[in-house]
Each structure stands twice: as structure tokens, then as C-alpha cells.
Amino acid sequence: MSLPQELFYEKTHEWLRIDDHTATVGITDFAQNQLSDLTFVELPEVGKIVDAGDEVAVLESVKAASDIYAPIAGEIVAVNMDLEDTPEMINNSPYEEGWLFKIKFQKEEDVDNLLSAAAYEDFCEE
């Protein structure tokens, strides 16, 4: 399982790359592997205000549909429109080209509640 150490993680299998007060969000290599070949992505609307834990996107694969949750509260400021035509980018590059959305957040303590790479790896092994 590929797991970049500099990212933050959530138990619902999202990852976050923090840059100032904006987080780029995607699903982990573990999650994309469990879903298998992705066939459709429903992304959130730019400008939508979300709370941590809100359902914000849906991924469909040959196996199942899976809800994606906002790992932190904030405003959706960008979505990866390339995924609409090529959802398999998530399978091929979950931490780079396969990002889902960007969220601008205000509360630093939201980041404090996220998992480190080591804690997420332990969670997946349980």
C-alpha cells in the first residue's frame, strides 16, 4: 500500500494535502484498491459549504458505489473536472492526478483531528 508520509488521513479513507488554509482531498491507495476500477465520479459543487463528515462526493466502480466525506469543515473551492471523463485517474494516481476536490478551511483544530500516515496504516491493518 502506497502511503505518502507528508499527507493527513481520515478513517473513511480520504487523504489531505494541506497548503496554508486549503486542503486538497482524494482517496487513499487502499480505498481505490478496494473499490477496483472506477467508472464514474460525482464531484461537489464549487462554493458549497460543508461540515466535517458531510457526504460530498460519490465514486462508482465495477464493484460498488462509495460515498466520500468531507474530512474537515470549509468551502469547496475547486474540483478535479478531469475525473468526469477519466475517473480511472484515481486508480492510476490516487495521490497526484486523482485528487477529488479542494476545501478552504478556517479551523486549525480540524487538522489536529486527522491521522498521520503511521496511524492510518495501523488503522487499515486492524
N, C-alpha and C. Protein backbone atom coordinates (compact mmCIF):
# COMPACT_ATOMS: atom_id res chain seq x y z
N MET A 1 0.85 -1.18 0.00
CA MET A 1 0.00 0.00 0.00
C MET A 1 0.89 1.24 0.00
N SER A 2 0.65 2.08 -0.98
CA SER A 2 1.38 3.34 -1.08
C SER A 2 0.78 4.34 -0.09
N LEU A 3 1.66 5.00 0.70
CA LEU A 3 1.16 5.90 1.73
C LEU A 3 2.14 7.07 1.94
N PRO A 4 1.96 8.18 1.22
CA PRO A 4 2.84 9.32 1.41
C PRO A 4 2.82 9.82 2.86
N GLN A 5 3.99 9.97 3.42
CA GLN A 5 4.13 10.34 4.83
C GLN A 5 3.73 11.78 5.14
N GLU A 6 3.80 12.67 4.15
CA GLU A 6 3.53 14.08 4.40
C GLU A 6 2.04 14.43 4.41
N LEU A 7 1.19 13.48 4.05
CA LEU A 7 -0.25 13.73 3.99
C LEU A 7 -0.92 13.42 5.33
N PHE A 8 -2.15 13.90 5.46
CA PHE A 8 -3.00 13.57 6.59
C PHE A 8 -4.08 12.62 6.09
N TYR A 9 -4.67 11.83 7.00
CA TYR A 9 -5.62 10.80 6.60
C TYR A 9 -6.83 10.79 7.51
N GLU A 10 -7.92 10.21 7.00
CA GLU A 10 -9.15 10.07 7.75
C GLU A 10 -9.53 8.59 7.74
N LYS A 11 -10.24 8.15 8.78
CA LYS A 11 -10.63 6.73 8.86
C LYS A 11 -11.59 6.32 7.76
N THR A 12 -12.20 7.29 7.09
CA THR A 12 -13.08 6.99 5.96
C THR A 12 -12.30 6.93 4.65
N HIS A 13 -10.96 6.88 4.75
CA HIS A 13 -10.03 6.63 3.65
C HIS A 13 -9.80 7.81 2.70
N GLU A 14 -10.03 9.02 3.20
CA GLU A 14 -9.63 10.20 2.43
C GLU A 14 -8.24 10.63 2.88
N TRP A 15 -7.50 11.26 1.97
CA TRP A 15 -6.21 11.87 2.32
C TRP A 15 -6.33 13.37 2.11
N LEU A 16 -5.47 14.12 2.79
CA LEU A 16 -5.44 15.58 2.65
C LEU A 16 -4.00 16.06 2.53
N ARG A 17 -3.80 16.94 1.58
CA ARG A 17 -2.52 17.66 1.44
C ARG A 17 -2.82 19.10 1.83
N ILE A 18 -2.22 19.57 2.92
CA ILE A 18 -2.51 20.90 3.46
C ILE A 18 -1.52 21.92 2.90
N ASP A 19 -2.07 23.02 2.35
CA ASP A 19 -1.26 24.13 1.86
C ASP A 19 -1.92 25.41 2.37
N ASP A 20 -1.33 26.00 3.41
CA ASP A 20 -1.90 27.16 4.08
C ASP A 20 -3.27 26.76 4.64
N HIS A 21 -4.35 27.39 4.23
CA HIS A 21 -5.69 27.04 4.74
C HIS A 21 -6.53 26.33 3.69
N THR A 22 -5.86 25.67 2.74
CA THR A 22 -6.57 24.90 1.72
C THR A 22 -6.05 23.48 1.74
N ALA A 23 -6.99 22.54 1.70
CA ALA A 23 -6.63 21.12 1.69
C ALA A 23 -7.09 20.50 0.37
N THR A 24 -6.17 19.82 -0.29
CA THR A 24 -6.52 19.01 -1.45
C THR A 24 -6.91 17.65 -0.91
N VAL A 25 -8.02 17.09 -1.38
CA VAL A 25 -8.57 15.86 -0.83
C VAL A 25 -8.72 14.82 -1.94
N GLY A 26 -8.38 13.58 -1.60
CA GLY A 26 -8.59 12.45 -2.50
C GLY A 26 -8.83 11.21 -1.68
N ILE A 27 -8.88 10.06 -2.35
CA ILE A 27 -9.00 8.80 -1.60
C ILE A 27 -7.66 8.09 -1.63
N THR A 28 -7.44 7.28 -0.63
CA THR A 28 -6.17 6.60 -0.48
C THR A 28 -5.99 5.47 -1.48
N ASP A 29 -4.77 5.04 -1.62
CA ASP A 29 -4.45 3.89 -2.46
C ASP A 29 -5.21 2.66 -1.96
N PHE A 30 -5.29 2.50 -0.64
CA PHE A 30 -6.04 1.40 -0.05
C PHE A 30 -7.50 1.42 -0.52
N ALA A 31 -8.13 2.60 -0.46
CA ALA A 31 -9.53 2.74 -0.85
C ALA A 31 -9.75 2.46 -2.33
N GLN A 32 -8.90 3.03 -3.19
CA GLN A 32 -9.09 2.81 -4.62
C GLN A 32 -8.88 1.35 -4.98
N ASN A 33 -7.99 0.68 -4.25
CA ASN A 33 -7.75 -0.74 -4.49
C ASN A 33 -8.96 -1.58 -4.08
N GLN A 34 -9.61 -1.20 -2.97
CA GLN A 34 -10.81 -1.89 -2.52
C GLN A 34 -11.98 -1.69 -3.48
N LEU A 35 -12.09 -0.48 -4.03
CA LEU A 35 -13.18 -0.19 -4.96
C LEU A 35 -12.97 -0.85 -6.31
N SER A 36 -11.73 -1.02 -6.71
CA SER A 36 -11.37 -1.58 -8.01
C SER A 36 -11.53 -0.52 -9.09
N ASP A 37 -11.87 -0.90 -10.30
CA ASP A 37 -11.89 0.01 -11.45
C ASP A 37 -13.02 1.03 -11.33
N LEU A 38 -12.64 2.30 -11.17
CA LEU A 38 -13.63 3.37 -11.05
C LEU A 38 -14.21 3.72 -12.42
N THR A 39 -15.53 3.91 -12.44
CA THR A 39 -16.22 4.16 -13.70
C THR A 39 -16.95 5.50 -13.74
N PHE A 40 -17.20 6.11 -12.58
CA PHE A 40 -17.96 7.36 -12.53
C PHE A 40 -17.62 8.11 -11.24
N VAL A 41 -17.55 9.45 -11.36
CA VAL A 41 -17.29 10.30 -10.20
C VAL A 41 -18.32 11.43 -10.18
N GLU A 42 -18.97 11.61 -9.04
CA GLU A 42 -19.86 12.75 -8.84
C GLU A 42 -19.17 13.68 -7.85
N LEU A 43 -18.76 14.84 -8.32
CA LEU A 43 -18.00 15.79 -7.51
C LEU A 43 -18.90 16.83 -6.86
N PRO A 44 -18.44 17.45 -5.77
CA PRO A 44 -19.25 18.51 -5.13
C PRO A 44 -19.23 19.78 -5.97
N GLU A 45 -20.13 20.69 -5.65
CA GLU A 45 -20.18 21.98 -6.33
C GLU A 45 -19.20 22.95 -5.70
N VAL A 46 -18.48 23.68 -6.54
CA VAL A 46 -17.60 24.74 -6.04
C VAL A 46 -18.47 25.78 -5.34
N GLY A 47 -18.02 26.23 -4.18
CA GLY A 47 -18.76 27.20 -3.39
C GLY A 47 -19.60 26.59 -2.29
N LYS A 48 -19.76 25.27 -2.33
CA LYS A 48 -20.57 24.59 -1.32
C LYS A 48 -19.84 24.63 0.03
N ILE A 49 -20.59 24.98 1.08
CA ILE A 49 -20.06 24.98 2.45
C ILE A 49 -20.40 23.63 3.07
N VAL A 50 -19.40 22.97 3.64
CA VAL A 50 -19.60 21.64 4.21
C VAL A 50 -19.05 21.57 5.63
N ASP A 51 -19.62 20.67 6.41
CA ASP A 51 -19.12 20.36 7.73
C ASP A 51 -18.30 19.07 7.65
N ALA A 52 -17.39 18.88 8.57
CA ALA A 52 -16.63 17.63 8.62
C ALA A 52 -17.61 16.48 8.76
N GLY A 53 -17.45 15.47 7.94
CA GLY A 53 -18.33 14.31 7.98
C GLY A 53 -19.47 14.35 6.98
N ASP A 54 -19.69 15.51 6.34
CA ASP A 54 -20.74 15.60 5.33
C ASP A 54 -20.37 14.77 4.11
N GLU A 55 -21.38 14.15 3.52
CA GLU A 55 -21.20 13.43 2.25
C GLU A 55 -21.05 14.49 1.16
N VAL A 56 -19.94 14.43 0.40
CA VAL A 56 -19.70 15.48 -0.59
C VAL A 56 -19.50 14.97 -2.01
N ALA A 57 -19.21 13.69 -2.16
CA ALA A 57 -18.96 13.15 -3.50
C ALA A 57 -19.34 11.67 -3.50
N VAL A 58 -19.45 11.12 -4.71
CA VAL A 58 -19.74 9.69 -4.87
C VAL A 58 -18.80 9.13 -5.92
N LEU A 59 -18.23 7.97 -5.61
CA LEU A 59 -17.41 7.24 -6.58
C LEU A 59 -18.12 5.94 -6.90
N GLU A 60 -18.20 5.62 -8.19
CA GLU A 60 -18.77 4.35 -8.60
C GLU A 60 -17.70 3.53 -9.30
N SER A 61 -17.72 2.25 -8.99
CA SER A 61 -16.76 1.34 -9.60
C SER A 61 -17.50 0.12 -10.13
N VAL A 62 -16.76 -0.81 -10.70
CA VAL A 62 -17.38 -2.03 -11.18
C VAL A 62 -17.89 -2.86 -10.01
N LYS A 63 -17.41 -2.59 -8.81
CA LYS A 63 -17.83 -3.34 -7.62
C LYS A 63 -18.97 -2.69 -6.85
N ALA A 64 -18.91 -1.35 -6.66
CA ALA A 64 -19.87 -0.69 -5.78
C ALA A 64 -19.82 0.82 -5.95
N ALA A 65 -20.75 1.49 -5.31
CA ALA A 65 -20.72 2.95 -5.20
C ALA A 65 -20.27 3.28 -3.77
N SER A 66 -19.50 4.33 -3.63
CA SER A 66 -18.97 4.70 -2.33
C SER A 66 -19.10 6.20 -2.11
N ASP A 67 -19.61 6.58 -0.95
CA ASP A 67 -19.71 7.99 -0.59
C ASP A 67 -18.35 8.49 -0.12
N ILE A 68 -18.06 9.74 -0.44
CA ILE A 68 -16.85 10.41 0.01
C ILE A 68 -17.28 11.53 0.94
N TYR A 69 -16.61 11.63 2.08
CA TYR A 69 -16.98 12.58 3.12
C TYR A 69 -15.96 13.71 3.23
N ALA A 70 -16.45 14.87 3.64
CA ALA A 70 -15.56 16.00 3.90
C ALA A 70 -14.78 15.71 5.18
N PRO A 71 -13.47 15.62 5.11
CA PRO A 71 -12.69 15.34 6.32
C PRO A 71 -12.58 16.53 7.26
N ILE A 72 -12.83 17.73 6.73
CA ILE A 72 -12.79 18.95 7.53
C ILE A 72 -13.89 19.89 7.04
N ALA A 73 -14.27 20.83 7.89
CA ALA A 73 -15.30 21.80 7.52
C ALA A 73 -14.69 22.92 6.70
N GLY A 74 -15.47 23.45 5.76
CA GLY A 74 -14.99 24.57 4.97
C GLY A 74 -15.79 24.75 3.70
N GLU A 75 -15.19 25.45 2.74
CA GLU A 75 -15.82 25.74 1.46
C GLU A 75 -15.09 25.01 0.34
N ILE A 76 -15.83 24.33 -0.51
CA ILE A 76 -15.24 23.68 -1.68
C ILE A 76 -14.81 24.79 -2.63
N VAL A 77 -13.51 24.85 -2.95
CA VAL A 77 -13.00 25.93 -3.80
C VAL A 77 -12.54 25.44 -5.17
N ALA A 78 -12.41 24.13 -5.36
CA ALA A 78 -12.03 23.58 -6.66
C ALA A 78 -12.40 22.11 -6.71
N VAL A 79 -12.67 21.62 -7.92
CA VAL A 79 -12.89 20.19 -8.13
C VAL A 79 -12.05 19.75 -9.33
N ASN A 80 -11.71 18.49 -9.36
CA ASN A 80 -10.89 17.94 -10.44
C ASN A 80 -11.80 17.50 -11.59
N MET A 81 -12.10 18.43 -12.49
CA MET A 81 -13.02 18.17 -13.60
C MET A 81 -12.51 17.08 -14.55
N ASP A 82 -11.20 16.84 -14.57
CA ASP A 82 -10.64 15.79 -15.43
C ASP A 82 -11.21 14.42 -15.09
N LEU A 83 -11.65 14.25 -13.85
CA LEU A 83 -12.17 12.94 -13.41
C LEU A 83 -13.50 12.59 -14.05
N GLU A 84 -14.24 13.60 -14.51
CA GLU A 84 -15.52 13.31 -15.14
C GLU A 84 -15.34 12.45 -16.39
N ASP A 85 -14.29 12.70 -17.16
CA ASP A 85 -14.03 11.93 -18.38
C ASP A 85 -13.09 10.76 -18.14
N THR A 86 -12.26 10.86 -17.11
CA THR A 86 -11.28 9.80 -16.85
C THR A 86 -11.22 9.46 -15.36
N PRO A 87 -12.28 8.84 -14.82
CA PRO A 87 -12.29 8.50 -13.40
C PRO A 87 -11.19 7.52 -13.01
N GLU A 88 -10.67 6.79 -13.99
CA GLU A 88 -9.60 5.83 -13.70
C GLU A 88 -8.30 6.51 -13.27
N MET A 89 -8.22 7.84 -13.41
CA MET A 89 -7.05 8.56 -12.90
C MET A 89 -6.90 8.34 -11.40
N ILE A 90 -8.02 8.13 -10.70
CA ILE A 90 -7.97 7.85 -9.27
C ILE A 90 -7.27 6.53 -9.01
N ASN A 91 -7.55 5.52 -9.84
CA ASN A 91 -6.88 4.22 -9.70
C ASN A 91 -5.40 4.32 -10.03
N ASN A 92 -5.08 5.08 -11.08
CA ASN A 92 -3.70 5.15 -11.57
C ASN A 92 -2.81 6.08 -10.76
N SER A 93 -3.39 7.12 -10.17
CA SER A 93 -2.59 8.13 -9.47
C SER A 93 -3.41 8.74 -8.33
N PRO A 94 -3.73 7.95 -7.28
CA PRO A 94 -4.63 8.45 -6.24
C PRO A 94 -4.12 9.67 -5.48
N TYR A 95 -2.80 9.85 -5.40
CA TYR A 95 -2.25 10.96 -4.61
C TYR A 95 -1.82 12.16 -5.43
N GLU A 96 -1.88 12.06 -6.73
CA GLU A 96 -1.45 13.18 -7.56
C GLU A 96 -2.57 13.60 -8.51
N GLU A 97 -2.66 12.98 -9.67
CA GLU A 97 -3.65 13.36 -10.68
C GLU A 97 -5.09 13.02 -10.26
N GLY A 98 -5.26 12.06 -9.35
CA GLY A 98 -6.58 11.59 -8.97
C GLY A 98 -7.21 12.31 -7.79
N TRP A 99 -6.73 13.51 -7.46
CA TRP A 99 -7.35 14.26 -6.36
C TRP A 99 -8.79 14.58 -6.73
N LEU A 100 -9.65 14.75 -5.72
CA LEU A 100 -11.08 14.97 -5.95
C LEU A 100 -11.50 16.44 -5.87
N PHE A 101 -11.17 17.09 -4.74
CA PHE A 101 -11.60 18.48 -4.55
C PHE A 101 -10.65 19.18 -3.60
N LYS A 102 -10.77 20.51 -3.57
CA LYS A 102 -10.01 21.33 -2.63
C LYS A 102 -10.99 22.06 -1.75
N ILE A 103 -10.64 22.14 -0.47
CA ILE A 103 -11.52 22.76 0.51
C ILE A 103 -10.73 23.79 1.31
N LYS A 104 -11.29 25.01 1.39
CA LYS A 104 -10.68 26.07 2.20
C LYS A 104 -11.29 25.96 3.59
N PHE A 105 -10.43 25.87 4.59
CA PHE A 105 -10.91 25.68 5.96
C PHE A 105 -10.42 26.80 6.86
N GLN A 106 -11.10 26.97 7.99
CA GLN A 106 -10.77 28.03 8.94
C GLN A 106 -10.19 27.49 10.24
N LYS A 107 -10.64 26.32 10.66
CA LYS A 107 -10.29 25.81 11.98
C LYS A 107 -9.06 24.89 11.93
N GLU A 108 -7.97 25.38 12.47
CA GLU A 108 -6.74 24.58 12.53
C GLU A 108 -6.94 23.29 13.32
N GLU A 109 -7.83 23.34 14.33
CA GLU A 109 -8.05 22.15 15.16
C GLU A 109 -8.65 21.00 14.36
N ASP A 110 -9.31 21.29 13.24
CA ASP A 110 -9.81 20.21 12.38
C ASP A 110 -8.66 19.36 11.87
N VAL A 111 -7.55 20.00 11.55
CA VAL A 111 -6.37 19.26 11.06
C VAL A 111 -5.79 18.41 12.19
N ASP A 112 -5.86 18.91 13.41
CA ASP A 112 -5.34 18.17 14.56
C ASP A 112 -6.06 16.85 14.77
N ASN A 113 -7.29 16.74 14.30
CA ASN A 113 -8.08 15.52 14.47
C ASN A 113 -7.81 14.46 13.40
N LEU A 114 -7.00 14.79 12.40
CA LEU A 114 -6.70 13.85 11.32
C LEU A 114 -5.59 12.89 11.73
N LEU A 115 -5.46 11.81 10.98
CA LEU A 115 -4.46 10.79 11.27
C LEU A 115 -3.16 11.04 10.53
N SER A 116 -2.05 10.68 11.15
CA SER A 116 -0.76 10.65 10.46
C SER A 116 -0.74 9.42 9.57
N ALA A 117 0.25 9.33 8.70
CA ALA A 117 0.39 8.15 7.83
C ALA A 117 0.53 6.89 8.68
N ALA A 118 1.33 6.94 9.74
CA ALA A 118 1.54 5.76 10.58
C ALA A 118 0.24 5.34 11.28
N ALA A 119 -0.52 6.31 11.78
CA ALA A 119 -1.79 5.99 12.46
C ALA A 119 -2.80 5.42 11.47
N TYR A 120 -2.84 5.96 10.25
CA TYR A 120 -3.76 5.44 9.23
C TYR A 120 -3.37 4.02 8.84
N GLU A 121 -2.08 3.78 8.69
CA GLU A 121 -1.61 2.43 8.34
C GLU A 121 -2.01 1.43 9.44
N ASP A 122 -1.84 1.82 10.70
CA ASP A 122 -2.26 0.97 11.81
C ASP A 122 -3.76 0.70 11.74
N PHE A 123 -4.54 1.72 11.45
CA PHE A 123 -6.00 1.59 11.35
C PHE A 123 -6.36 0.59 10.25
N CYS A 124 -5.70 0.66 9.10
CA CYS A 124 -6.01 -0.24 7.99
C CYS A 124 -5.63 -1.69 8.28
N GLU A 125 -4.64 -1.88 9.14
CA GLU A 125 -4.19 -3.23 9.47
C GLU A 125 -5.06 -3.90 10.53
N GLU A 126 -5.90 -3.10 11.21
CA GLU A 126 -6.76 -3.68 12.26
C GLU A 126 -7.86 -4.52 11.69
